[in-house]
Amino acid sequence: MALIELGRFDRNEAHIVIGLLDSEDIFAVAFDGHASIADGSAFLIPVRVMVDADDLAAARAIVEKAAR
């Protein structure tokens, strides 16, 4: 499995995207979700949502459809 970045989202939106992809049987994981919590800037740093490279096109289509 080779992870690739699907996109960068605010913290809450990233977890919504991950849940959406999970409901479509696409594995996704958040990177950087806990970055800079100590200095209080955690909500300013975008969270990267990562998916398997083989699922990237399907994941993009699902996210784009949900955004409409």
PDB file of N, CA and C in Angstrom:
ATOM      1  N   MET A   1       0.845  -1.173   0.000  1.00  0.00           N
ATOM      2  CA  MET A   1       0.000   0.000   0.000  1.00  0.00           C
ATOM      3  C   MET A   1       0.891   1.237   0.000  1.00  0.00           C
ATOM      4  N   ALA A   2       0.681   2.085  -0.955  1.00  0.00           N
ATOM      5  CA  ALA A   2       1.404   3.352  -1.038  1.00  0.00           C
ATOM      6  C   ALA A   2       0.407   4.483  -0.800  1.00  0.00           C
ATOM      7  N   LEU A   3       0.603   5.210   0.286  1.00  0.00           N
ATOM      8  CA  LEU A   3      -0.312   6.305   0.601  1.00  0.00           C
ATOM      9  C   LEU A   3       0.035   7.540  -0.214  1.00  0.00           C
ATOM     10  N   ILE A   4      -1.022   8.234  -0.614  1.00  0.00           N
ATOM     11  CA  ILE A   4      -0.878   9.469  -1.377  1.00  0.00           C
ATOM     12  C   ILE A   4      -1.882  10.482  -0.831  1.00  0.00           C
ATOM     13  N   GLU A   5      -1.534  11.742  -0.911  1.00  0.00           N
ATOM     14  CA  GLU A   5      -2.398  12.791  -0.355  1.00  0.00           C
ATOM     15  C   GLU A   5      -3.614  13.030  -1.241  1.00  0.00           C
ATOM     16  N   LEU A   6      -4.789  12.896  -0.646  1.00  0.00           N
ATOM     17  CA  LEU A   6      -6.049  13.218  -1.322  1.00  0.00           C
ATOM     18  C   LEU A   6      -6.287  14.726  -1.268  1.00  0.00           C
ATOM     19  N   GLY A   7      -5.997  15.325  -0.125  1.00  0.00           N
ATOM     20  CA  GLY A   7      -6.205  16.765   0.026  1.00  0.00           C
ATOM     21  C   GLY A   7      -5.910  17.204   1.442  1.00  0.00           C
ATOM     22  N   ARG A   8      -5.990  18.507   1.646  1.00  0.00           N
ATOM     23  CA  ARG A   8      -5.780  19.102   2.969  1.00  0.00           C
ATOM     24  C   ARG A   8      -7.074  19.784   3.381  1.00  0.00           C
ATOM     25  N   PHE A   9      -7.470  19.520   4.607  1.00  0.00           N
ATOM     26  CA  PHE A   9      -8.761  19.981   5.100  1.00  0.00           C
ATOM     27  C   PHE A   9      -8.592  20.511   6.510  1.00  0.00           C
ATOM     28  N   ASP A  10      -9.583  21.298   6.968  1.00  0.00           N
ATOM     29  CA  ASP A  10      -9.526  21.662   8.378  1.00  0.00           C
ATOM     30  C   ASP A  10      -9.796  20.392   9.181  1.00  0.00           C
ATOM     31  N   ARG A  11      -9.472  20.444  10.443  1.00  0.00           N
ATOM     32  CA  ARG A  11      -9.498  19.248  11.301  1.00  0.00           C
ATOM     33  C   ARG A  11     -10.840  18.508  11.244  1.00  0.00           C
ATOM     34  N   ASN A  12     -11.936  19.206  11.420  1.00  0.00           N
ATOM     35  CA  ASN A  12     -13.243  18.551  11.436  1.00  0.00           C
ATOM     36  C   ASN A  12     -13.625  18.011  10.064  1.00  0.00           C
ATOM     37  N   GLU A  13     -13.390  18.787   9.036  1.00  0.00           N
ATOM     38  CA  GLU A  13     -13.722  18.360   7.679  1.00  0.00           C
ATOM     39  C   GLU A  13     -12.924  17.111   7.291  1.00  0.00           C
ATOM     40  N   ALA A  14     -11.686  17.034   7.717  1.00  0.00           N
ATOM     41  CA  ALA A  14     -10.859  15.864   7.402  1.00  0.00           C
ATOM     42  C   ALA A  14     -11.492  14.591   7.945  1.00  0.00           C
ATOM     43  N   HIS A  15     -12.014  14.653   9.143  1.00  0.00           N
ATOM     44  CA  HIS A  15     -12.612  13.455   9.731  1.00  0.00           C
ATOM     45  C   HIS A  15     -13.956  13.123   9.088  1.00  0.00           C
ATOM     46  N   ILE A  16     -14.651  14.118   8.606  1.00  0.00           N
ATOM     47  CA  ILE A  16     -15.877  13.863   7.845  1.00  0.00           C
ATOM     48  C   ILE A  16     -15.523  13.165   6.533  1.00  0.00           C
ATOM     49  N   VAL A  17     -14.497  13.644   5.863  1.00  0.00           N
ATOM     50  CA  VAL A  17     -14.051  13.027   4.604  1.00  0.00           C
ATOM     51  C   VAL A  17     -13.628  11.581   4.844  1.00  0.00           C
ATOM     52  N   ILE A  18     -12.889  11.339   5.898  1.00  0.00           N
ATOM     53  CA  ILE A  18     -12.452   9.976   6.209  1.00  0.00           C
ATOM     54  C   ILE A  18     -13.661   9.074   6.460  1.00  0.00           C
ATOM     55  N   GLY A  19     -14.640   9.559   7.182  1.00  0.00           N
ATOM     56  CA  GLY A  19     -15.859   8.780   7.421  1.00  0.00           C
ATOM     57  C   GLY A  19     -16.615   8.493   6.137  1.00  0.00           C
ATOM     58  N   LEU A  20     -16.685   9.484   5.273  1.00  0.00           N
ATOM     59  CA  LEU A  20     -17.355   9.310   3.980  1.00  0.00           C
ATOM     60  C   LEU A  20     -16.653   8.240   3.157  1.00  0.00           C
ATOM     61  N   LEU A  21     -15.337   8.318   3.088  1.00  0.00           N
ATOM     62  CA  LEU A  21     -14.583   7.325   2.320  1.00  0.00           C
ATOM     63  C   LEU A  21     -14.703   5.942   2.948  1.00  0.00           C
ATOM     64  N   ASP A  22     -14.677   5.878   4.258  1.00  0.00           N
ATOM     65  CA  ASP A  22     -14.834   4.597   4.944  1.00  0.00           C
ATOM     66  C   ASP A  22     -16.179   3.959   4.605  1.00  0.00           C
ATOM     67  N   SER A  23     -17.214   4.777   4.495  1.00  0.00           N
ATOM     68  CA  SER A  23     -18.543   4.243   4.160  1.00  0.00           C
ATOM     69  C   SER A  23     -18.595   3.680   2.739  1.00  0.00           C
ATOM     70  N   GLU A  24     -17.610   4.062   1.933  1.00  0.00           N
ATOM     71  CA  GLU A  24     -17.499   3.558   0.561  1.00  0.00           C
ATOM     72  C   GLU A  24     -16.385   2.504   0.451  1.00  0.00           C
ATOM     73  N   ASP A  25     -15.945   1.991   1.608  1.00  0.00           N
ATOM     74  CA  ASP A  25     -14.901   0.952   1.681  1.00  0.00           C
ATOM     75  C   ASP A  25     -13.552   1.397   1.114  1.00  0.00           C
ATOM     76  N   ILE A  26     -13.241   2.668   1.281  1.00  0.00           N
ATOM     77  CA  ILE A  26     -11.930   3.186   0.900  1.00  0.00           C
ATOM     78  C   ILE A  26     -11.203   3.585   2.177  1.00  0.00           C
ATOM     79  N   PHE A  27     -10.043   2.973   2.398  1.00  0.00           N
ATOM     80  CA  PHE A  27      -9.247   3.285   3.581  1.00  0.00           C
ATOM     81  C   PHE A  27      -8.664   4.686   3.444  1.00  0.00           C
ATOM     82  N   ALA A  28      -8.781   5.457   4.502  1.00  0.00           N
ATOM     83  CA  ALA A  28      -8.202   6.800   4.544  1.00  0.00           C
ATOM     84  C   ALA A  28      -7.705   7.063   5.958  1.00  0.00           C
ATOM     85  N   VAL A  29      -6.671   7.883   6.048  1.00  0.00           N
ATOM     86  CA  VAL A  29      -6.097   8.206   7.349  1.00  0.00           C
ATOM     87  C   VAL A  29      -5.706   9.678   7.364  1.00  0.00           C
ATOM     88  N   ALA A  30      -5.777  10.275   8.553  1.00  0.00           N
ATOM     89  CA  ALA A  30      -5.408  11.685   8.715  1.00  0.00           C
ATOM     90  C   ALA A  30      -3.962  11.790   9.171  1.00  0.00           C
ATOM     91  N   PHE A  31      -3.200  12.656   8.531  1.00  0.00           N
ATOM     92  CA  PHE A  31      -1.843  12.990   8.956  1.00  0.00           C
ATOM     93  C   PHE A  31      -1.858  14.432   9.464  1.00  0.00           C
ATOM     94  N   ASP A  32      -1.063  14.713  10.458  1.00  0.00           N
ATOM     95  CA  ASP A  32      -0.882  16.056  11.026  1.00  0.00           C
ATOM     96  C   ASP A  32      -2.066  16.518  11.871  1.00  0.00           C
ATOM     97  N   GLY A  33      -2.947  15.612  12.230  1.00  0.00           N
ATOM     98  CA  GLY A  33      -4.133  15.982  12.999  1.00  0.00           C
ATOM     99  C   GLY A  33      -3.843  16.532  14.375  1.00  0.00           C
ATOM    100  N   HIS A  34      -2.701  16.179  14.938  1.00  0.00           N
ATOM    101  CA  HIS A  34      -2.367  16.652  16.285  1.00  0.00           C
ATOM    102  C   HIS A  34      -1.148  17.558  16.285  1.00  0.00           C
ATOM    103  N   ALA A  35      -0.821  18.087  15.138  1.00  0.00           N
ATOM    104  CA  ALA A  35       0.347  18.958  15.044  1.00  0.00           C
ATOM    105  C   ALA A  35       0.108  20.262  15.804  1.00  0.00           C
ATOM    106  N   SER A  36       1.085  20.665  16.537  1.00  0.00           N
ATOM    107  CA  SER A  36       1.120  21.955  17.234  1.00  0.00           C
ATOM    108  C   SER A  36       0.017  22.146  18.273  1.00  0.00           C
ATOM    109  N   ILE A  37      -0.466  21.073  18.851  1.00  0.00           N
ATOM    110  CA  ILE A  37      -1.465  21.224  19.916  1.00  0.00           C
ATOM    111  C   ILE A  37      -0.856  21.973  21.102  1.00  0.00           C
ATOM    112  N   ALA A  38       0.415  21.730  21.377  1.00  0.00           N
ATOM    113  CA  ALA A  38       1.060  22.332  22.547  1.00  0.00           C
ATOM    114  C   ALA A  38       1.095  23.851  22.487  1.00  0.00           C
ATOM    115  N   ASP A  39       1.265  24.421  21.287  1.00  0.00           N
ATOM    116  CA  ASP A  39       1.355  25.882  21.226  1.00  0.00           C
ATOM    117  C   ASP A  39       0.036  26.547  20.848  1.00  0.00           C
ATOM    118  N   GLY A  40      -1.030  25.758  20.735  1.00  0.00           N
ATOM    119  CA  GLY A  40      -2.354  26.328  20.501  1.00  0.00           C
ATOM    120  C   GLY A  40      -2.710  26.606  19.058  1.00  0.00           C
ATOM    121  N   SER A  41      -1.865  26.189  18.112  1.00  0.00           N
ATOM    122  CA  SER A  41      -2.170  26.468  16.702  1.00  0.00           C
ATOM    123  C   SER A  41      -2.716  25.248  15.970  1.00  0.00           C
ATOM    124  N   ALA A  42      -3.203  24.257  16.683  1.00  0.00           N
ATOM    125  CA  ALA A  42      -3.645  22.999  16.078  1.00  0.00           C
ATOM    126  C   ALA A  42      -4.728  23.208  15.029  1.00  0.00           C
ATOM    127  N   PHE A  43      -5.608  24.155  15.241  1.00  0.00           N
ATOM    128  CA  PHE A  43      -6.713  24.340  14.300  1.00  0.00           C
ATOM    129  C   PHE A  43      -6.302  25.184  13.091  1.00  0.00           C
ATOM    130  N   LEU A  44      -5.086  25.690  13.081  1.00  0.00           N
ATOM    131  CA  LEU A  44      -4.601  26.481  11.955  1.00  0.00           C
ATOM    132  C   LEU A  44      -3.846  25.646  10.927  1.00  0.00           C
ATOM    133  N   ILE A  45      -3.426  24.454  11.332  1.00  0.00           N
ATOM    134  CA  ILE A  45      -2.632  23.601  10.450  1.00  0.00           C
ATOM    135  C   ILE A  45      -3.567  22.631   9.727  1.00  0.00           C
ATOM    136  N   PRO A  46      -3.546  22.618   8.405  1.00  0.00           N
ATOM    137  CA  PRO A  46      -4.428  21.703   7.677  1.00  0.00           C
ATOM    138  C   PRO A  46      -4.060  20.245   7.951  1.00  0.00           C
ATOM    139  N   VAL A  47      -5.067  19.395   7.933  1.00  0.00           N
ATOM    140  CA  VAL A  47      -4.890  17.964   8.118  1.00  0.00           C
ATOM    141  C   VAL A  47      -4.855  17.320   6.736  1.00  0.00           C
ATOM    142  N   ARG A  48      -3.834  16.504   6.490  1.00  0.00           N
ATOM    143  CA  ARG A  48      -3.736  15.800   5.214  1.00  0.00           C
ATOM    144  C   ARG A  48      -4.524  14.502   5.301  1.00  0.00           C
ATOM    145  N   VAL A  49      -5.406  14.287   4.344  1.00  0.00           N
ATOM    146  CA  VAL A  49      -6.114  13.012   4.241  1.00  0.00           C
ATOM    147  C   VAL A  49      -5.390  12.185   3.194  1.00  0.00           C
ATOM    148  N   MET A  50      -4.963  11.002   3.621  1.00  0.00           N
ATOM    149  CA  MET A  50      -4.174  10.119   2.777  1.00  0.00           C
ATOM    150  C   MET A  50      -4.989   8.883   2.415  1.00  0.00           C
ATOM    151  N   VAL A  51      -4.860   8.432   1.168  1.00  0.00           N
ATOM    152  CA  VAL A  51      -5.515   7.215   0.697  1.00  0.00           C
ATOM    153  C   VAL A  51      -4.498   6.379  -0.068  1.00  0.00           C
ATOM    154  N   ASP A  52      -4.846   5.136  -0.312  1.00  0.00           N
ATOM    155  CA  ASP A  52      -3.986   4.288  -1.142  1.00  0.00           C
ATOM    156  C   ASP A  52      -3.956   4.876  -2.549  1.00  0.00           C
ATOM    157  N   ALA A  53      -2.791   4.843  -3.168  1.00  0.00           N
ATOM    158  CA  ALA A  53      -2.639   5.410  -4.513  1.00  0.00           C
ATOM    159  C   ALA A  53      -3.629   4.794  -5.504  1.00  0.00           C
ATOM    160  N   ASP A  54      -3.939   3.515  -5.324  1.00  0.00           N
ATOM    161  CA  ASP A  54      -4.881   2.845  -6.227  1.00  0.00           C
ATOM    162  C   ASP A  54      -6.309   3.348  -6.056  1.00  0.00           C
ATOM    163  N   ASP A  55      -6.623   3.966  -4.916  1.00  0.00           N
ATOM    164  CA  ASP A  55      -7.971   4.456  -4.629  1.00  0.00           C
ATOM    165  C   ASP A  55      -8.127   5.954  -4.868  1.00  0.00           C
ATOM    166  N   LEU A  56      -7.070   6.623  -5.299  1.00  0.00           N
ATOM    167  CA  LEU A  56      -7.104   8.082  -5.384  1.00  0.00           C
ATOM    168  C   LEU A  56      -8.211   8.600  -6.293  1.00  0.00           C
ATOM    169  N   ALA A  57      -8.350   8.072  -7.479  1.00  0.00           N
ATOM    170  CA  ALA A  57      -9.370   8.562  -8.413  1.00  0.00           C
ATOM    171  C   ALA A  57     -10.773   8.363  -7.851  1.00  0.00           C
ATOM    172  N   ALA A  58     -11.033   7.198  -7.287  1.00  0.00           N
ATOM    173  CA  ALA A  58     -12.355   6.931  -6.710  1.00  0.00           C
ATOM    174  C   ALA A  58     -12.616   7.844  -5.518  1.00  0.00           C
ATOM    175  N   ALA A  59     -11.600   8.046  -4.680  1.00  0.00           N
ATOM    176  CA  ALA A  59     -11.760   8.914  -3.516  1.00  0.00           C
ATOM    177  C   ALA A  59     -12.037  10.351  -3.933  1.00  0.00           C
ATOM    178  N   ARG A  60     -11.333  10.834  -4.939  1.00  0.00           N
ATOM    179  CA  ARG A  60     -11.586  12.200  -5.436  1.00  0.00           C
ATOM    180  C   ARG A  60     -13.013  12.343  -5.942  1.00  0.00           C
ATOM    181  N   ALA A  61     -13.485  11.341  -6.686  1.00  0.00           N
ATOM    182  CA  ALA A  61     -14.854  11.391  -7.218  1.00  0.00           C
ATOM    183  C   ALA A  61     -15.877  11.426  -6.104  1.00  0.00           C
ATOM    184  N   ILE A  62     -15.666  10.647  -5.049  1.00  0.00           N
ATOM    185  CA  ILE A  62     -16.591  10.623  -3.923  1.00  0.00           C
ATOM    186  C   ILE A  62     -16.614  11.969  -3.209  1.00  0.00           C
ATOM    187  N   VAL A  63     -15.449  12.538  -2.955  1.00  0.00           N
ATOM    188  CA  VAL A  63     -15.374  13.830  -2.271  1.00  0.00           C
ATOM    189  C   VAL A  63     -15.982  14.937  -3.125  1.00  0.00           C
ATOM    190  N   GLU A  64     -15.696  14.948  -4.406  1.00  0.00           N
ATOM    191  CA  GLU A  64     -16.258  15.967  -5.304  1.00  0.00           C
ATOM    192  C   GLU A  64     -17.780  15.860  -5.371  1.00  0.00           C
ATOM    193  N   LYS A  65     -18.304  14.655  -5.424  1.00  0.00           N
ATOM    194  CA  LYS A  65     -19.752  14.468  -5.470  1.00  0.00           C
ATOM    195  C   LYS A  65     -20.410  14.968  -4.176  1.00  0.00           C
ATOM    196  N   ALA A  66     -19.757  14.689  -3.048  1.00  0.00           N
ATOM    197  CA  ALA A  66     -20.296  15.129  -1.761  1.00  0.00           C
ATOM    198  C   ALA A  66     -20.253  16.639  -1.608  1.00  0.00           C
ATOM    199  N   ALA A  67     -19.299  17.286  -2.264  1.00  0.00           N
ATOM    200  CA  ALA A  67     -19.148  18.736  -2.141  1.00  0.00           C
ATOM    201  C   ALA A  67     -20.205  19.504  -2.928  1.00  0.00           C
ATOM    202  N   ARG A  68     -20.863  18.850  -3.828  1.00  0.00           N
ATOM    203  CA  ARG A  68     -21.871  19.558  -4.650  1.00  0.00           C
ATOM    204  C   ARG A  68     -23.104  19.888  -3.897  1.00  0.00           C
TER     205      ARG A  68
END
